[in-house]
Amino acid sequence: MTAHTNQTRARFGYVSGLDGLRLVAVAIVIAAHYQLVPYIPGGFGVSIFFFISGFLITRLMLAEEKTYGQIALGRFYVRRFIRLLPPLALMGIVAVPLLALTDPAGFSWSQVLLSFSYLGNVHKIGSRLLGWNAGYDALEPLWSLAVEEHFYLLLPPVLLLVRGSAGRIRMISAVLAGALVLRMLVWAATPRFADDINYNFTLTRIDAIGWGVLLTLLLDGGRIGQAWIERHGAVLLWGGALAMLLSLVHWSGFYETAFKYTPQSIAIGAAFCGAIFPARNAWVRRIAELPPIRYLGKTSYELYLWHYPVYSLAERFVVSPHLRAVLSLAATIAISSLAYSLTTRRLAPLRKRFGGHPV
């Protein structure tokens, strides 16, 4: 199998290797929640997801602007609605009643209503700080969907208001600096709750998304060129991978709570560049494009939605943790594949009518 050469400039079209990176991200989350890899937190996988979202959505919007002369906000939001809401609604319709039947005492209306209204991060913060009913662990991962949705709401209007590559780069750089400063202020003001706030609050957790946006702007504006990436491809890939591992070390409370997301996001961006663009690292994309990996990567959203509800339900009936993890993983893959076929794949023609492109 040959690996497609990706262009650094924003354009429509499939980005070779991206589905494989999506699978890596969701695999980290699942391994953490299934207690298979105790030393790698699920939040690291979420950060990779965030970076990919920031990169990809910005790339598509810049390509739309270059192709049609404008970014059509209405069509963008319709595409996001078609892609994100049906799989989420299907999971909620099936999983929430099953969770309520097997554990009625754990049911929380505030969690259900906020989580499925893209305010799951607000509920997580409220349950930690204000004593709200925490509800089901199975629905807690929906906090990250809230952060992404808030990004989808904010970025397109900002790109319309700030025209030109240089202005957009300055704007995103200011947002990233502001997020870091805000995390430091939260840590200084309330050390006890700083981790809960900084991890879940949109404005403090937007780093990885913002760095993905910034990378796209730098690439499309020619600040980082294909030739430079080609020359430094090995350093970007392996140096970024090493830096990602180092970012997981618990250096101090301040680092873990307030500072970590900045160097971690930069490391993700370096490794991402090294994996996606250089011809010398085409072997990475060839692995990522193997049919099983690519397919599972395409279902990564569904895998993310279903993995924890399936595991939580299995906890009620399967005592052995290893058997529970194996059965949960098999069931999650099967259910996610079915959900993908019923929603994402079936609605793909409708998304295309509103300007959707394969990515």
Protein backbone atom coordinates (compact mmCIF):
# COMPACT_ATOMS: atom_id res chain seq x y z
CA MET A 1 0.00 0.00 0.00
CA THR A 2 1.36 3.43 -0.94
CA ALA A 3 0.95 6.36 1.41
CA HIS A 4 -0.66 9.50 0.05
CA THR A 5 1.46 12.66 0.30
CA ASN A 6 -0.45 15.29 2.26
CA GLN A 7 -0.20 18.96 1.33
CA THR A 8 0.68 21.46 4.04
CA ARG A 9 -1.56 24.15 2.52
CA ALA A 10 -5.25 23.92 3.40
CA ARG A 11 -7.28 22.09 0.79
CA PHE A 12 -10.25 19.77 0.57
CA GLY A 13 -9.55 16.07 0.46
CA TYR A 14 -8.66 13.10 2.60
CA VAL A 15 -5.70 13.52 4.95
CA SER A 16 -3.74 10.28 4.83
CA GLY A 17 -2.94 8.86 8.25
CA LEU A 18 -5.48 10.92 10.16
CA ASP A 19 -7.83 8.03 10.85
CA GLY A 20 -4.93 6.08 12.33
CA LEU A 21 -4.14 8.94 14.70
CA ARG A 22 -7.80 9.08 15.70
CA LEU A 23 -7.60 5.41 16.58
CA VAL A 24 -4.48 6.03 18.69
CA ALA A 25 -6.34 8.77 20.57
CA VAL A 26 -9.43 6.70 21.34
CA ALA A 27 -7.31 3.63 22.17
CA ILE A 28 -5.52 5.63 24.88
CA VAL A 29 -8.86 6.74 26.34
CA ILE A 30 -10.28 3.21 26.30
CA ALA A 31 -7.12 1.67 27.77
CA ALA A 32 -7.23 4.17 30.63
CA HIS A 33 -10.92 3.69 31.40
CA TYR A 34 -10.64 -0.10 31.14
CA GLN A 35 -7.66 0.09 33.54
CA LEU A 36 -5.36 -1.60 31.05
CA VAL A 37 -2.57 1.01 31.06
CA PRO A 38 -2.37 2.67 34.49
CA TYR A 39 0.45 5.08 33.62
CA ILE A 40 -1.12 6.84 30.62
CA PRO A 41 -4.15 9.00 31.51
CA GLY A 42 -7.21 9.06 29.31
CA GLY A 43 -6.97 12.84 29.20
CA PHE A 44 -3.86 12.49 27.04
CA GLY A 45 -5.93 10.72 24.39
CA VAL A 46 -8.50 13.50 24.65
CA SER A 47 -5.74 16.07 24.05
CA ILE A 48 -4.80 14.25 20.83
CA PHE A 49 -8.46 14.30 19.78
CA PHE A 50 -8.61 18.01 20.53
CA PHE A 51 -5.50 18.74 18.46
CA ILE A 52 -6.83 16.78 15.47
CA SER A 53 -10.16 18.64 15.68
CA GLY A 54 -8.48 22.04 15.78
CA PHE A 55 -6.23 21.16 12.85
CA LEU A 56 -8.92 19.56 10.71
CA ILE A 57 -11.77 22.01 11.20
CA THR A 58 -9.49 24.98 10.53
CA ARG A 59 -8.08 23.28 7.43
CA LEU A 60 -11.58 22.69 6.05
CA MET A 61 -12.70 26.25 6.74
CA LEU A 62 -9.61 27.75 5.12
CA ALA A 63 -10.10 25.47 2.11
CA GLU A 64 -13.71 26.62 1.87
CA GLU A 65 -12.65 30.26 2.07
CA LYS A 66 -10.06 29.79 -0.68
CA THR A 67 -12.42 27.81 -2.92
CA TYR A 68 -15.61 29.83 -2.53
CA GLY A 69 -14.36 33.16 -1.23
CA GLN A 70 -16.18 32.85 2.09
CA ILE A 71 -16.97 30.61 5.04
CA ALA A 72 -20.67 29.72 5.09
CA LEU A 73 -21.48 29.60 8.81
CA GLY A 74 -24.94 28.12 8.41
CA ARG A 75 -23.76 25.23 6.28
CA PHE A 76 -20.83 24.61 8.64
CA TYR A 77 -23.11 24.29 11.66
CA VAL A 78 -25.52 22.04 9.77
CA ARG A 79 -22.63 19.72 8.84
CA ARG A 80 -21.47 19.60 12.47
CA PHE A 81 -25.03 18.90 13.62
CA ILE A 82 -25.43 16.02 11.15
CA ARG A 83 -22.06 14.51 12.08
CA LEU A 84 -22.16 14.82 15.86
CA LEU A 85 -25.73 14.74 17.13
CA PRO A 86 -27.20 11.51 15.63
CA PRO A 87 -24.50 9.19 17.09
CA LEU A 88 -24.77 10.97 20.44
CA ALA A 89 -28.57 10.76 20.44
CA LEU A 90 -28.47 7.05 19.57
CA MET A 91 -26.10 6.34 22.44
CA GLY A 92 -28.29 8.31 24.84
CA ILE A 93 -31.51 6.62 23.76
CA VAL A 94 -30.02 3.16 24.27
CA ALA A 95 -27.48 3.55 27.07
CA VAL A 96 -29.16 5.92 29.52
CA PRO A 97 -32.26 3.72 30.11
CA LEU A 98 -30.02 0.66 30.55
CA LEU A 99 -27.87 2.50 33.07
CA ALA A 100 -30.98 3.70 34.90
CA LEU A 101 -32.44 0.18 35.02
CA THR A 102 -29.27 -1.40 36.37
CA ASP A 103 -28.35 1.44 38.75
CA PRO A 104 -31.38 3.63 39.49
CA ALA A 105 -29.73 5.21 42.54
CA GLY A 106 -26.99 6.71 40.40
CA PHE A 107 -29.31 8.48 37.97
CA SER A 108 -28.88 12.25 37.78
CA TRP A 109 -31.19 14.44 35.71
CA SER A 110 -28.69 17.30 35.81
CA GLN A 111 -25.98 15.06 34.37
CA VAL A 112 -28.20 13.72 31.59
CA LEU A 113 -29.63 17.09 30.59
CA LEU A 114 -26.32 18.96 30.69
CA SER A 115 -24.23 16.21 29.12
CA PHE A 116 -26.53 15.83 26.13
CA SER A 117 -26.79 19.61 25.77
CA TYR A 118 -23.01 19.92 25.32
CA LEU A 119 -22.54 21.21 28.85
CA GLY A 120 -21.09 18.05 30.33
CA ASN A 121 -17.97 19.91 31.42
CA VAL A 122 -20.15 22.30 33.43
CA HIS A 123 -21.75 19.32 35.18
CA LYS A 124 -18.36 17.80 36.00
CA ILE A 125 -17.18 21.05 37.54
CA GLY A 126 -20.48 21.48 39.40
CA SER A 127 -20.34 17.95 40.82
CA ARG A 128 -16.80 18.55 42.11
CA LEU A 129 -17.21 22.09 43.41
CA LEU A 130 -20.91 22.44 44.24
CA GLY A 131 -21.86 18.93 45.30
CA TRP A 132 -24.19 18.18 42.41
CA ASN A 133 -25.17 14.54 41.96
CA ALA A 134 -22.22 13.16 39.99
CA GLY A 135 -24.38 10.63 38.14
CA TYR A 136 -22.87 7.85 36.07
CA ASP A 137 -19.16 7.53 35.34
CA ALA A 138 -20.24 6.17 31.95
CA LEU A 139 -21.40 9.64 30.84
CA GLU A 140 -18.46 11.62 32.19
CA PRO A 141 -16.46 11.44 28.92
CA LEU A 142 -19.12 13.66 27.34
CA TRP A 143 -17.39 16.64 28.96
CA SER A 144 -14.91 16.70 26.07
CA LEU A 145 -17.72 16.92 23.52
CA ALA A 146 -18.82 20.10 25.27
CA VAL A 147 -15.37 21.66 24.91
CA GLU A 148 -15.23 20.73 21.22
CA GLU A 149 -18.74 22.07 20.58
CA HIS A 150 -17.86 25.38 22.21
CA PHE A 151 -14.84 25.53 19.91
CA TYR A 152 -17.08 24.88 16.88
CA LEU A 153 -19.35 27.72 17.96
CA LEU A 154 -16.53 30.22 18.48
CA LEU A 155 -13.91 29.60 15.80
CA PRO A 156 -15.84 30.24 12.54
CA PRO A 157 -17.12 33.70 13.57
CA VAL A 158 -13.62 34.61 14.76
CA LEU A 159 -12.12 33.61 11.40
CA LEU A 160 -14.71 35.78 9.69
CA LEU A 161 -13.96 38.77 11.91
CA VAL A 162 -10.18 38.47 11.72
CA ARG A 163 -9.06 38.36 8.10
CA GLY A 164 -5.60 37.50 6.89
CA SER A 165 -3.11 34.88 8.01
CA ALA A 166 -1.00 37.19 10.20
CA GLY A 167 -3.97 38.55 12.14
CA ARG A 168 -5.39 35.10 12.72
CA ILE A 169 -2.05 33.77 13.95
CA ARG A 170 -1.77 36.66 16.40
CA MET A 171 -5.32 36.09 17.59
CA ILE A 172 -4.86 32.35 18.22
CA SER A 173 -1.49 32.98 19.89
CA ALA A 174 -3.20 35.42 22.25
CA VAL A 175 -5.89 32.83 23.05
CA LEU A 176 -3.24 30.21 23.85
CA ALA A 177 -1.31 32.61 26.06
CA GLY A 178 -4.54 33.63 27.77
CA ALA A 179 -5.48 30.00 28.49
CA LEU A 180 -2.11 29.40 30.13
CA VAL A 181 -2.36 32.56 32.23
CA LEU A 182 -5.93 31.68 33.25
CA ARG A 183 -4.87 28.21 34.42
CA MET A 184 -2.10 29.78 36.50
CA LEU A 185 -4.56 32.22 38.06
CA VAL A 186 -6.99 29.40 38.88
CA TRP A 187 -4.16 27.38 40.44
CA ALA A 188 -3.09 30.37 42.54
CA ALA A 189 -6.64 31.27 43.60
CA THR A 190 -8.01 27.83 44.44
CA PRO A 191 -5.37 25.07 44.55
CA ARG A 192 -7.90 22.59 45.93
CA PHE A 193 -10.19 22.78 42.90
CA ALA A 194 -7.71 23.96 40.27
CA ASP A 195 -7.31 20.54 38.67
CA ASP A 196 -11.07 20.04 38.26
CA ILE A 197 -11.54 23.51 36.80
CA ASN A 198 -8.51 23.58 34.52
CA TYR A 199 -9.10 20.08 33.20
CA ASN A 200 -12.78 20.58 32.33
CA PHE A 201 -13.42 24.29 31.74
CA THR A 202 -13.49 25.25 28.07
CA LEU A 203 -11.29 28.34 28.31
CA THR A 204 -8.59 26.54 30.31
CA ARG A 205 -8.68 23.26 28.36
CA ILE A 206 -8.70 24.69 24.85
CA ASP A 207 -4.90 24.49 24.44
CA ALA A 208 -4.69 21.37 22.30
CA ILE A 209 -7.50 22.59 20.03
CA GLY A 210 -5.88 26.00 19.75
CA TRP A 211 -2.47 24.54 18.90
CA GLY A 212 -4.13 22.50 16.15
CA VAL A 213 -5.67 25.71 14.80
CA LEU A 214 -2.33 27.51 15.01
CA LEU A 215 -0.49 24.73 13.17
CA THR A 216 -2.99 24.89 10.30
CA LEU A 217 -2.62 28.67 10.06
CA LEU A 218 1.19 28.45 10.10
CA LEU A 219 1.20 25.76 7.43
CA ASP A 220 -1.32 27.46 5.18
CA GLY A 221 0.37 30.84 5.53
CA GLY A 222 3.74 29.40 4.59
CA ARG A 223 5.35 30.10 7.97
CA ILE A 224 6.13 26.39 8.17
CA GLY A 225 6.85 24.99 4.72
CA GLN A 226 6.87 21.51 3.25
CA ALA A 227 10.64 21.66 2.68
CA TRP A 228 11.33 22.55 6.32
CA ILE A 229 9.11 19.72 7.57
CA GLU A 230 10.82 17.32 5.16
CA ARG A 231 14.27 18.26 6.47
CA HIS A 232 13.23 17.92 10.10
CA GLY A 233 10.75 15.05 9.74
CA ALA A 234 12.65 12.60 11.94
CA VAL A 235 13.23 15.16 14.69
CA LEU A 236 9.58 16.20 14.64
CA LEU A 237 8.30 12.62 14.83
CA TRP A 238 10.68 11.12 17.38
CA GLY A 239 11.37 14.31 19.32
CA GLY A 240 7.64 14.97 19.54
CA ALA A 241 6.97 11.40 20.69
CA LEU A 242 9.64 11.67 23.41
CA ALA A 243 8.31 15.06 24.50
CA MET A 244 4.80 13.60 24.73
CA LEU A 245 6.05 10.86 27.06
CA LEU A 246 7.92 13.40 29.18
CA SER A 247 4.77 15.52 29.40
CA LEU A 248 3.08 12.65 31.23
CA VAL A 249 5.60 12.75 34.07
CA HIS A 250 4.21 14.30 37.25
CA TRP A 251 6.88 16.96 37.72
CA SER A 252 4.98 19.03 40.30
CA GLY A 253 1.49 20.04 41.34
CA PHE A 254 1.81 23.32 39.46
CA TYR A 255 3.01 21.57 36.30
CA GLU A 256 0.28 18.92 36.43
CA THR A 257 -2.53 21.35 37.15
CA ALA A 258 -1.62 24.58 35.36
CA PHE A 259 1.28 24.20 32.94
CA LYS A 260 1.19 20.69 31.45
CA TYR A 261 -1.27 21.30 28.62
CA THR A 262 0.97 23.82 26.84
CA PRO A 263 4.13 21.69 26.36
CA GLN A 264 2.01 18.59 25.85
CA SER A 265 0.06 20.23 23.03
CA ILE A 266 3.26 21.48 21.37
CA ALA A 267 4.68 17.95 21.58
CA ILE A 268 1.52 16.51 20.01
CA GLY A 269 1.81 19.08 17.22
CA ALA A 270 5.44 18.20 16.52
CA ALA A 271 4.76 14.46 16.36
CA PHE A 272 1.63 15.12 14.28
CA CYS A 273 3.64 17.11 11.72
CA GLY A 274 6.31 14.43 11.61
CA ALA A 275 3.75 11.68 11.04
CA ILE A 276 1.41 13.36 8.56
CA PHE A 277 3.56 15.35 6.13
CA PRO A 278 7.17 14.19 5.46
CA ALA A 279 7.75 11.74 2.62
CA ARG A 280 10.52 10.10 4.66
CA ASN A 281 7.95 9.13 7.30
CA ALA A 282 5.49 7.65 4.82
CA TRP A 283 5.83 4.34 6.69
CA VAL A 284 3.77 5.85 9.52
CA ARG A 285 0.94 6.66 7.14
CA ARG A 286 1.16 3.24 5.49
CA ILE A 287 0.56 1.63 8.88
CA ALA A 288 -2.23 4.10 9.67
CA GLU A 289 -3.88 3.35 6.31
CA LEU A 290 -4.10 -0.41 6.85
CA PRO A 291 -7.80 -1.22 6.31
CA PRO A 292 -8.64 -2.38 9.88
CA ILE A 293 -6.86 0.62 11.42
CA ARG A 294 -8.43 3.08 9.01
CA TYR A 295 -11.91 1.65 9.57
CA LEU A 296 -11.64 1.71 13.37
CA GLY A 297 -10.28 5.25 13.12
CA LYS A 298 -13.34 6.28 11.14
CA THR A 299 -15.52 4.92 13.95
CA SER A 300 -13.45 6.64 16.67
CA TYR A 301 -16.28 9.02 17.61
CA GLU A 302 -18.66 6.13 18.12
CA LEU A 303 -15.99 4.17 20.01
CA TYR A 304 -15.53 7.15 22.31
CA LEU A 305 -19.28 7.45 22.93
CA TRP A 306 -19.91 3.78 23.63
CA HIS A 307 -16.81 2.44 25.36
CA TYR A 308 -17.61 3.63 28.88
CA PRO A 309 -21.36 2.83 28.94
CA VAL A 310 -20.55 -0.69 27.74
CA TYR A 311 -17.85 -1.09 30.40
CA SER A 312 -20.08 0.31 33.15
CA LEU A 313 -22.86 -2.11 32.27
CA ALA A 314 -20.36 -4.99 32.19
CA GLU A 315 -19.23 -4.07 35.71
CA ARG A 316 -22.68 -5.07 36.99
CA PHE A 317 -22.35 -8.62 35.63
CA VAL A 318 -18.68 -9.55 35.07
CA VAL A 319 -16.48 -9.86 38.16
CA SER A 320 -13.10 -10.55 36.55
CA PRO A 321 -11.54 -7.22 35.48
CA HIS A 322 -9.56 -8.80 32.63
CA LEU A 323 -12.56 -10.68 31.23
CA ARG A 324 -14.66 -7.55 31.66
CA ALA A 325 -12.17 -5.49 29.66
CA VAL A 326 -11.98 -8.06 26.84
CA LEU A 327 -15.75 -8.48 26.58
CA SER A 328 -16.32 -4.73 26.82
CA LEU A 329 -13.81 -4.02 24.07
CA ALA A 330 -15.35 -6.59 21.73
CA ALA A 331 -18.86 -5.31 22.44
CA THR A 332 -17.77 -1.68 22.04
CA ILE A 333 -16.24 -2.35 18.61
CA ALA A 334 -19.34 -4.23 17.45
CA ILE A 335 -21.83 -1.66 18.77
CA SER A 336 -19.79 1.28 17.49
CA SER A 337 -19.57 -0.28 14.03
CA LEU A 338 -23.34 -0.70 13.98
CA ALA A 339 -23.89 2.85 15.25
CA TYR A 340 -21.50 4.19 12.60
CA SER A 341 -23.45 2.40 9.87
CA LEU A 342 -26.82 3.59 11.18
CA THR A 343 -25.84 7.24 11.62
CA THR A 344 -22.56 8.58 10.22
CA ARG A 345 -22.35 6.46 7.09
CA ARG A 346 -26.06 6.68 6.33
CA LEU A 347 -26.10 10.46 6.72
CA ALA A 348 -22.91 11.07 4.70
CA PRO A 349 -24.85 11.99 1.51
CA LEU A 350 -26.84 14.57 3.49
CA ARG A 351 -23.63 16.11 4.85
CA LYS A 352 -22.26 16.25 1.31
CA ARG A 353 -25.30 18.25 0.21
CA PHE A 354 -24.26 20.91 2.72
CA GLY A 355 -20.66 21.00 1.51
CA GLY A 356 -19.19 18.11 3.47
CA HIS A 357 -15.89 16.64 2.26
CA PRO A 358 -14.06 13.40 3.12
CA VAL A 359 -11.32 13.99 5.68
